[in-house]
Amino acid sequence: MGKLRFDISVSVDGYVAGPDQSLHEPLGVGGEDLHQWIVGLEAWRRPHGLEGGDVNVSTSVVDESQANVGAFIMGRNMFGGGPGPWRDPAWTGWWGEDPPFHAPVFVLTHHAREPLEMKGGTTFFFVTDGPRTALDQAVRVAGGRDVAVSGGANVAQQYFAAGLIDEFELHVAPILLGGGTRLFGNLEGLRIEQVRVIEAPGVTHIKYRVLK
């Protein structure tokens, strides 16, 4: 079995999304600024089907985060479409017809839905039996490669609390959001060690290993 890993952009004051999240502003007020360091990178644009982009110190970090991943797990909010029963059966996620995952993606939700096969090898599977079931399914299809938790914070917290995350990387953006969604909460007893720190334009990458 590969690793269960997680990476996310976070503000200096510990928020992964700003206040007042909505369907029109899913990252909340100011939350988009957390990702300014990555959206111009060639390494980010390429899997999104876009040409061009910058190459800098962050390139190797992004390439590493995308390498050796056999499956992804995300929460309903990360997939989008609003809370509650699926109101729009045509909703296929935030990423268009060719999502950047190119692998099976297991979406944690309370509302069942048939698998959604997209272009480029991405298929969304909607799991209603909880995070452990989603992980078991992801591990099976990953074929010995890693499983990546794509977010959001609540899903990551569940896997942290269950002691299942092996390593994670924080991309610390030099902004203060002052409110919103925190990554770490109610995780007393989590023991970690720092693996590395990489300074790059507009961001500092800090990688940790979870001690078990």
C-alpha atoms as a PDB file:
ATOM      1  CA  MET A   1       0.000   0.000   0.000  1.00  0.00           C
ATOM      2  CA  GLY A   2       1.218   3.503  -0.807  1.00  0.00           C
ATOM      3  CA  LYS A   3       0.911   6.549   1.429  1.00  0.00           C
ATOM      4  CA  LEU A   4      -2.170   8.543   2.310  1.00  0.00           C
ATOM      5  CA  ARG A   5      -1.093  12.127   1.805  1.00  0.00           C
ATOM      6  CA  PHE A   6      -2.528  15.572   1.755  1.00  0.00           C
ATOM      7  CA  ASP A   7      -1.462  19.064   0.708  1.00  0.00           C
ATOM      8  CA  ILE A   8      -3.255  22.385   0.907  1.00  0.00           C
ATOM      9  CA  SER A   9      -2.693  26.139   0.744  1.00  0.00           C
ATOM     10  CA  VAL A  10      -3.130  27.905   4.057  1.00  0.00           C
ATOM     11  CA  SER A  11      -2.933  31.490   5.274  1.00  0.00           C
ATOM     12  CA  VAL A  12      -0.414  32.640   7.865  1.00  0.00           C
ATOM     13  CA  ASP A  13      -3.243  32.727  10.432  1.00  0.00           C
ATOM     14  CA  GLY A  14      -4.223  29.119   9.680  1.00  0.00           C
ATOM     15  CA  TYR A  15      -7.217  29.345   7.353  1.00  0.00           C
ATOM     16  CA  VAL A  16      -7.703  27.248   4.205  1.00  0.00           C
ATOM     17  CA  ALA A  17     -10.777  29.237   3.109  1.00  0.00           C
ATOM     18  CA  GLY A  18     -12.031  32.709   3.893  1.00  0.00           C
ATOM     19  CA  PRO A  19     -15.299  33.691   5.600  1.00  0.00           C
ATOM     20  CA  ASP A  20     -18.740  33.636   3.959  1.00  0.00           C
ATOM     21  CA  GLN A  21     -18.260  30.654   1.650  1.00  0.00           C
ATOM     22  CA  SER A  22     -21.000  30.219  -0.939  1.00  0.00           C
ATOM     23  CA  LEU A  23     -21.714  28.584  -4.287  1.00  0.00           C
ATOM     24  CA  HIS A  24     -20.567  31.775  -5.970  1.00  0.00           C
ATOM     25  CA  GLU A  25     -17.497  32.154  -3.747  1.00  0.00           C
ATOM     26  CA  PRO A  26     -16.598  28.588  -2.658  1.00  0.00           C
ATOM     27  CA  LEU A  27     -13.317  29.641  -1.045  1.00  0.00           C
ATOM     28  CA  GLY A  28     -14.923  32.512   0.842  1.00  0.00           C
ATOM     29  CA  VAL A  29     -13.912  36.152   0.910  1.00  0.00           C
ATOM     30  CA  GLY A  30     -10.212  36.396   0.065  1.00  0.00           C
ATOM     31  CA  GLY A  31      -9.804  32.630  -0.234  1.00  0.00           C
ATOM     32  CA  GLU A  32      -8.755  32.726  -3.889  1.00  0.00           C
ATOM     33  CA  ASP A  33      -5.631  34.621  -2.810  1.00  0.00           C
ATOM     34  CA  LEU A  34      -4.360  31.466  -1.111  1.00  0.00           C
ATOM     35  CA  HIS A  35      -3.697  29.980  -4.544  1.00  0.00           C
ATOM     36  CA  GLN A  36      -2.070  32.866  -6.382  1.00  0.00           C
ATOM     37  CA  TRP A  37       1.302  31.138  -6.093  1.00  0.00           C
ATOM     38  CA  ILE A  38       0.150  28.113  -8.114  1.00  0.00           C
ATOM     39  CA  VAL A  39      -2.359  29.213 -10.766  1.00  0.00           C
ATOM     40  CA  GLY A  40       0.338  30.738 -12.973  1.00  0.00           C
ATOM     41  CA  LEU A  41       2.637  27.717 -12.837  1.00  0.00           C
ATOM     42  CA  GLU A  42       3.145  25.548 -15.913  1.00  0.00           C
ATOM     43  CA  ALA A  43       2.983  22.510 -13.622  1.00  0.00           C
ATOM     44  CA  TRP A  44      -0.545  23.510 -12.566  1.00  0.00           C
ATOM     45  CA  ARG A  45      -1.757  24.669 -15.967  1.00  0.00           C
ATOM     46  CA  ARG A  46      -0.639  21.527 -17.812  1.00  0.00           C
ATOM     47  CA  PRO A  47      -3.030  19.004 -16.119  1.00  0.00           C
ATOM     48  CA  HIS A  48      -5.819  21.565 -16.517  1.00  0.00           C
ATOM     49  CA  GLY A  49      -5.308  21.512 -20.282  1.00  0.00           C
ATOM     50  CA  LEU A  50      -3.738  24.969 -20.404  1.00  0.00           C
ATOM     51  CA  GLU A  51      -0.548  26.001 -22.168  1.00  0.00           C
ATOM     52  CA  GLY A  52       2.334  28.147 -20.969  1.00  0.00           C
ATOM     53  CA  GLY A  53       2.995  29.206 -17.410  1.00  0.00           C
ATOM     54  CA  ASP A  54       5.877  29.939 -15.090  1.00  0.00           C
ATOM     55  CA  VAL A  55       8.597  27.584 -13.927  1.00  0.00           C
ATOM     56  CA  ASN A  56      10.135  28.347 -10.531  1.00  0.00           C
ATOM     57  CA  VAL A  57      11.048  26.715  -7.228  1.00  0.00           C
ATOM     58  CA  SER A  58       7.442  25.633  -6.683  1.00  0.00           C
ATOM     59  CA  THR A  59       7.436  23.576  -9.894  1.00  0.00           C
ATOM     60  CA  SER A  60       9.161  20.564  -8.346  1.00  0.00           C
ATOM     61  CA  VAL A  61       6.806  20.717  -5.342  1.00  0.00           C
ATOM     62  CA  VAL A  62       3.724  20.623  -7.564  1.00  0.00           C
ATOM     63  CA  ASP A  63       5.185  17.888  -9.772  1.00  0.00           C
ATOM     64  CA  GLU A  64       5.903  15.807  -6.668  1.00  0.00           C
ATOM     65  CA  SER A  65       2.366  16.271  -5.349  1.00  0.00           C
ATOM     66  CA  GLN A  66       0.980  14.941  -8.634  1.00  0.00           C
ATOM     67  CA  ALA A  67       3.369  12.001  -8.960  1.00  0.00           C
ATOM     68  CA  ASN A  68       2.619   8.402  -7.939  1.00  0.00           C
ATOM     69  CA  VAL A  69      -1.045   9.112  -7.111  1.00  0.00           C
ATOM     70  CA  GLY A  70      -3.376   6.245  -7.983  1.00  0.00           C
ATOM     71  CA  ALA A  71      -6.599   7.683  -6.528  1.00  0.00           C
ATOM     72  CA  PHE A  72      -8.008  10.777  -4.858  1.00  0.00           C
ATOM     73  CA  ILE A  73     -10.494  11.420  -2.044  1.00  0.00           C
ATOM     74  CA  MET A  74     -12.459  14.638  -1.603  1.00  0.00           C
ATOM     75  CA  GLY A  75     -15.468  15.965   0.229  1.00  0.00           C
ATOM     76  CA  ARG A  76     -18.818  17.011  -1.195  1.00  0.00           C
ATOM     77  CA  ASN A  77     -17.958  20.707  -0.856  1.00  0.00           C
ATOM     78  CA  MET A  78     -14.763  20.189  -2.840  1.00  0.00           C
ATOM     79  CA  PHE A  79     -16.751  18.533  -5.631  1.00  0.00           C
ATOM     80  CA  GLY A  80     -19.387  21.255  -5.344  1.00  0.00           C
ATOM     81  CA  GLY A  81     -22.982  21.478  -6.425  1.00  0.00           C
ATOM     82  CA  GLY A  82     -24.348  22.732  -3.121  1.00  0.00           C
ATOM     83  CA  PRO A  83     -25.365  20.911   0.076  1.00  0.00           C
ATOM     84  CA  GLY A  84     -28.177  18.404   0.433  1.00  0.00           C
ATOM     85  CA  PRO A  85     -29.655  16.168  -2.278  1.00  0.00           C
ATOM     86  CA  TRP A  86     -28.254  16.610  -5.767  1.00  0.00           C
ATOM     87  CA  ARG A  87     -30.359  19.444  -7.136  1.00  0.00           C
ATOM     88  CA  ASP A  88     -28.648  19.595 -10.519  1.00  0.00           C
ATOM     89  CA  PRO A  89     -27.939  16.129 -11.974  1.00  0.00           C
ATOM     90  CA  ALA A  90     -25.913  17.811 -14.720  1.00  0.00           C
ATOM     91  CA  TRP A  91     -23.346  19.101 -12.199  1.00  0.00           C
ATOM     92  CA  THR A  92     -19.969  17.480 -12.931  1.00  0.00           C
ATOM     93  CA  GLY A  93     -17.674  19.389 -10.578  1.00  0.00           C
ATOM     94  CA  TRP A  94     -15.673  22.583 -10.792  1.00  0.00           C
ATOM     95  CA  TRP A  95     -13.198  21.381 -13.448  1.00  0.00           C
ATOM     96  CA  GLY A  96     -15.067  21.080 -16.732  1.00  0.00           C
ATOM     97  CA  GLU A  97     -15.196  18.078 -19.049  1.00  0.00           C
ATOM     98  CA  ASP A  98     -11.554  17.056 -18.509  1.00  0.00           C
ATOM     99  CA  PRO A  99     -10.774  17.313 -14.753  1.00  0.00           C
ATOM    100  CA  PRO A 100      -7.088  17.464 -13.765  1.00  0.00           C
ATOM    101  CA  PHE A 101      -7.094  14.263 -11.675  1.00  0.00           C
ATOM    102  CA  HIS A 102      -6.793  11.630 -14.443  1.00  0.00           C
ATOM    103  CA  ALA A 103      -7.511   8.897 -11.882  1.00  0.00           C
ATOM    104  CA  PRO A 104     -10.472   7.639  -9.819  1.00  0.00           C
ATOM    105  CA  VAL A 105     -11.812  10.227  -7.345  1.00  0.00           C
ATOM    106  CA  PHE A 106     -13.911   9.146  -4.346  1.00  0.00           C
ATOM    107  CA  VAL A 107     -16.309  11.852  -3.163  1.00  0.00           C
ATOM    108  CA  LEU A 108     -17.575  11.654   0.418  1.00  0.00           C
ATOM    109  CA  THR A 109     -21.259  12.563   0.519  1.00  0.00           C
ATOM    110  CA  HIS A 110     -24.498  11.740   2.321  1.00  0.00           C
ATOM    111  CA  HIS A 111     -26.380  11.573  -0.971  1.00  0.00           C
ATOM    112  CA  ALA A 112     -25.930   8.687  -3.391  1.00  0.00           C
ATOM    113  CA  ARG A 113     -25.226   9.238  -7.049  1.00  0.00           C
ATOM    114  CA  GLU A 114     -24.129   7.044  -9.946  1.00  0.00           C
ATOM    115  CA  PRO A 115     -20.413   7.151 -10.861  1.00  0.00           C
ATOM    116  CA  LEU A 116     -19.523   9.987 -13.199  1.00  0.00           C
ATOM    117  CA  GLU A 117     -17.017   9.123 -15.926  1.00  0.00           C
ATOM    118  CA  MET A 118     -15.206  12.118 -17.393  1.00  0.00           C
ATOM    119  CA  LYS A 119     -12.550  12.651 -20.041  1.00  0.00           C
ATOM    120  CA  GLY A 120      -8.874  11.965 -19.394  1.00  0.00           C
ATOM    121  CA  GLY A 121      -9.329   8.971 -17.098  1.00  0.00           C
ATOM    122  CA  THR A 122     -11.134  10.762 -14.251  1.00  0.00           C
ATOM    123  CA  THR A 123     -14.145   8.970 -12.771  1.00  0.00           C
ATOM    124  CA  PHE A 124     -15.962  10.336  -9.722  1.00  0.00           C
ATOM    125  CA  PHE A 125     -17.377   7.729  -7.330  1.00  0.00           C
ATOM    126  CA  PHE A 126     -19.802   8.954  -4.659  1.00  0.00           C
ATOM    127  CA  VAL A 127     -19.319   7.212  -1.313  1.00  0.00           C
ATOM    128  CA  THR A 128     -22.042   7.381   1.339  1.00  0.00           C
ATOM    129  CA  ASP A 129     -20.507   4.924   3.840  1.00  0.00           C
ATOM    130  CA  GLY A 130     -17.926   7.223   5.388  1.00  0.00           C
ATOM    131  CA  PRO A 131     -14.207   7.993   5.093  1.00  0.00           C
ATOM    132  CA  ARG A 132     -12.928   4.523   5.899  1.00  0.00           C
ATOM    133  CA  THR A 133     -14.950   2.968   3.081  1.00  0.00           C
ATOM    134  CA  ALA A 134     -13.758   5.663   0.680  1.00  0.00           C
ATOM    135  CA  LEU A 135     -10.150   4.957   1.645  1.00  0.00           C
ATOM    136  CA  ASP A 136     -10.566   1.190   1.258  1.00  0.00           C
ATOM    137  CA  GLN A 137     -11.987   1.688  -2.231  1.00  0.00           C
ATOM    138  CA  ALA A 138      -9.269   4.175  -3.164  1.00  0.00           C
ATOM    139  CA  VAL A 139      -6.491   1.865  -1.960  1.00  0.00           C
ATOM    140  CA  ARG A 140      -7.916  -0.995  -4.013  1.00  0.00           C
ATOM    141  CA  VAL A 141      -7.872   0.931  -7.277  1.00  0.00           C
ATOM    142  CA  ALA A 142      -4.589   2.752  -6.558  1.00  0.00           C
ATOM    143  CA  GLY A 143      -2.652  -0.451  -7.147  1.00  0.00           C
ATOM    144  CA  GLY A 144       0.074   0.231  -4.602  1.00  0.00           C
ATOM    145  CA  ARG A 145       0.418   3.893  -5.468  1.00  0.00           C
ATOM    146  CA  ASP A 146      -0.410   6.753  -3.091  1.00  0.00           C
ATOM    147  CA  VAL A 147      -3.881   8.047  -2.295  1.00  0.00           C
ATOM    148  CA  ALA A 148      -4.200  11.841  -2.103  1.00  0.00           C
ATOM    149  CA  VAL A 149      -6.787  13.664  -0.006  1.00  0.00           C
ATOM    150  CA  SER A 150      -7.783  16.654  -2.120  1.00  0.00           C
ATOM    151  CA  GLY A 151      -9.823  18.460   0.528  1.00  0.00           C
ATOM    152  CA  GLY A 152     -11.505  20.118   2.056  1.00  0.00           C
ATOM    153  CA  ALA A 153     -10.478  20.731   5.633  1.00  0.00           C
ATOM    154  CA  ASN A 154     -13.245  18.655   7.205  1.00  0.00           C
ATOM    155  CA  VAL A 155     -12.317  15.559   5.220  1.00  0.00           C
ATOM    156  CA  ALA A 156      -8.637  15.981   6.062  1.00  0.00           C
ATOM    157  CA  GLN A 157      -9.505  16.390   9.755  1.00  0.00           C
ATOM    158  CA  GLN A 158     -11.419  13.091   9.714  1.00  0.00           C
ATOM    159  CA  TYR A 159      -8.433  11.234   8.303  1.00  0.00           C
ATOM    160  CA  PHE A 160      -6.046  12.991  10.697  1.00  0.00           C
ATOM    161  CA  ALA A 161      -8.265  12.100  13.668  1.00  0.00           C
ATOM    162  CA  ALA A 162      -8.375   8.463  12.551  1.00  0.00           C
ATOM    163  CA  GLY A 163      -4.569   8.359  12.397  1.00  0.00           C
ATOM    164  CA  LEU A 164      -4.583   7.509   8.694  1.00  0.00           C
ATOM    165  CA  ILE A 165      -2.623  10.413   7.148  1.00  0.00           C
ATOM    166  CA  ASP A 166       1.033   9.506   6.560  1.00  0.00           C
ATOM    167  CA  GLU A 167       2.383  12.883   5.417  1.00  0.00           C
ATOM    168  CA  PHE A 168       1.131  16.316   4.462  1.00  0.00           C
ATOM    169  CA  GLU A 169       2.413  19.551   3.007  1.00  0.00           C
ATOM    170  CA  LEU A 170       1.249  23.070   3.802  1.00  0.00           C
ATOM    171  CA  HIS A 171       1.677  25.787   1.195  1.00  0.00           C
ATOM    172  CA  VAL A 172       1.760  28.875   3.412  1.00  0.00           C
ATOM    173  CA  ALA A 173       0.646  31.983   1.534  1.00  0.00           C
ATOM    174  CA  PRO A 174       1.714  35.360   2.985  1.00  0.00           C
ATOM    175  CA  ILE A 175      -1.821  36.596   3.652  1.00  0.00           C
ATOM    176  CA  LEU A 176      -4.078  36.966   6.681  1.00  0.00           C
ATOM    177  CA  LEU A 177      -7.726  36.015   6.201  1.00  0.00           C
ATOM    178  CA  GLY A 178      -8.893  36.803   9.729  1.00  0.00           C
ATOM    179  CA  GLY A 179     -11.626  34.156   9.634  1.00  0.00           C
ATOM    180  CA  GLY A 180     -13.045  31.269   7.654  1.00  0.00           C
ATOM    181  CA  THR A 181     -12.233  27.566   7.750  1.00  0.00           C
ATOM    182  CA  ARG A 182      -9.298  26.326   9.815  1.00  0.00           C
ATOM    183  CA  LEU A 183      -7.397  23.203   8.880  1.00  0.00           C
ATOM    184  CA  PHE A 184      -6.475  22.079  12.372  1.00  0.00           C
ATOM    185  CA  GLY A 185      -9.098  21.754  15.064  1.00  0.00           C
ATOM    186  CA  ASN A 186      -9.850  19.109  17.690  1.00  0.00           C
ATOM    187  CA  LEU A 187      -6.698  17.215  16.769  1.00  0.00           C
ATOM    188  CA  GLU A 188      -5.021  17.120  20.157  1.00  0.00           C
ATOM    189  CA  GLY A 189      -2.366  14.441  20.344  1.00  0.00           C
ATOM    190  CA  LEU A 190      -1.385  14.611  16.670  1.00  0.00           C
ATOM    191  CA  ARG A 191       2.393  14.149  16.587  1.00  0.00           C
ATOM    192  CA  ILE A 192       4.307  15.338  13.552  1.00  0.00           C
ATOM    193  CA  GLU A 193       7.855  16.012  12.456  1.00  0.00           C
ATOM    194  CA  GLN A 194       9.056  18.493   9.872  1.00  0.00           C
ATOM    195  CA  VAL A 195      10.557  16.961   6.755  1.00  0.00           C
ATOM    196  CA  ARG A 196      11.556  20.062   4.787  1.00  0.00           C
ATOM    197  CA  VAL A 197      10.939  23.748   4.137  1.00  0.00           C
ATOM    198  CA  ILE A 198      11.123  25.288   0.661  1.00  0.00           C
ATOM    199  CA  GLU A 199      10.872  29.041   0.113  1.00  0.00           C
ATOM    200  CA  ALA A 200       9.396  30.037  -3.251  1.00  0.00           C
ATOM    201  CA  PRO A 201       7.819  33.132  -4.864  1.00  0.00           C
ATOM    202  CA  GLY A 202       4.657  33.989  -2.952  1.00  0.00           C
ATOM    203  CA  VAL A 203       4.642  30.855  -0.794  1.00  0.00           C
ATOM    204  CA  THR A 204       6.555  28.698   1.684  1.00  0.00           C
ATOM    205  CA  HIS A 205       6.173  24.930   1.370  1.00  0.00           C
ATOM    206  CA  ILE A 206       6.450  22.986   4.645  1.00  0.00           C
ATOM    207  CA  LYS A 207       6.256  19.204   4.548  1.00  0.00           C
ATOM    208  CA  TYR A 208       5.503  17.065   7.611  1.00  0.00           C
ATOM    209  CA  ARG A 209       5.448  13.382   8.461  1.00  0.00           C
ATOM    210  CA  VAL A 210       2.841  12.086  10.917  1.00  0.00           C
ATOM    211  CA  LEU A 211       4.397  10.065  13.747  1.00  0.00           C
ATOM    212  CA  LYS A 212       2.420   6.911  14.546  1.00  0.00           C
END
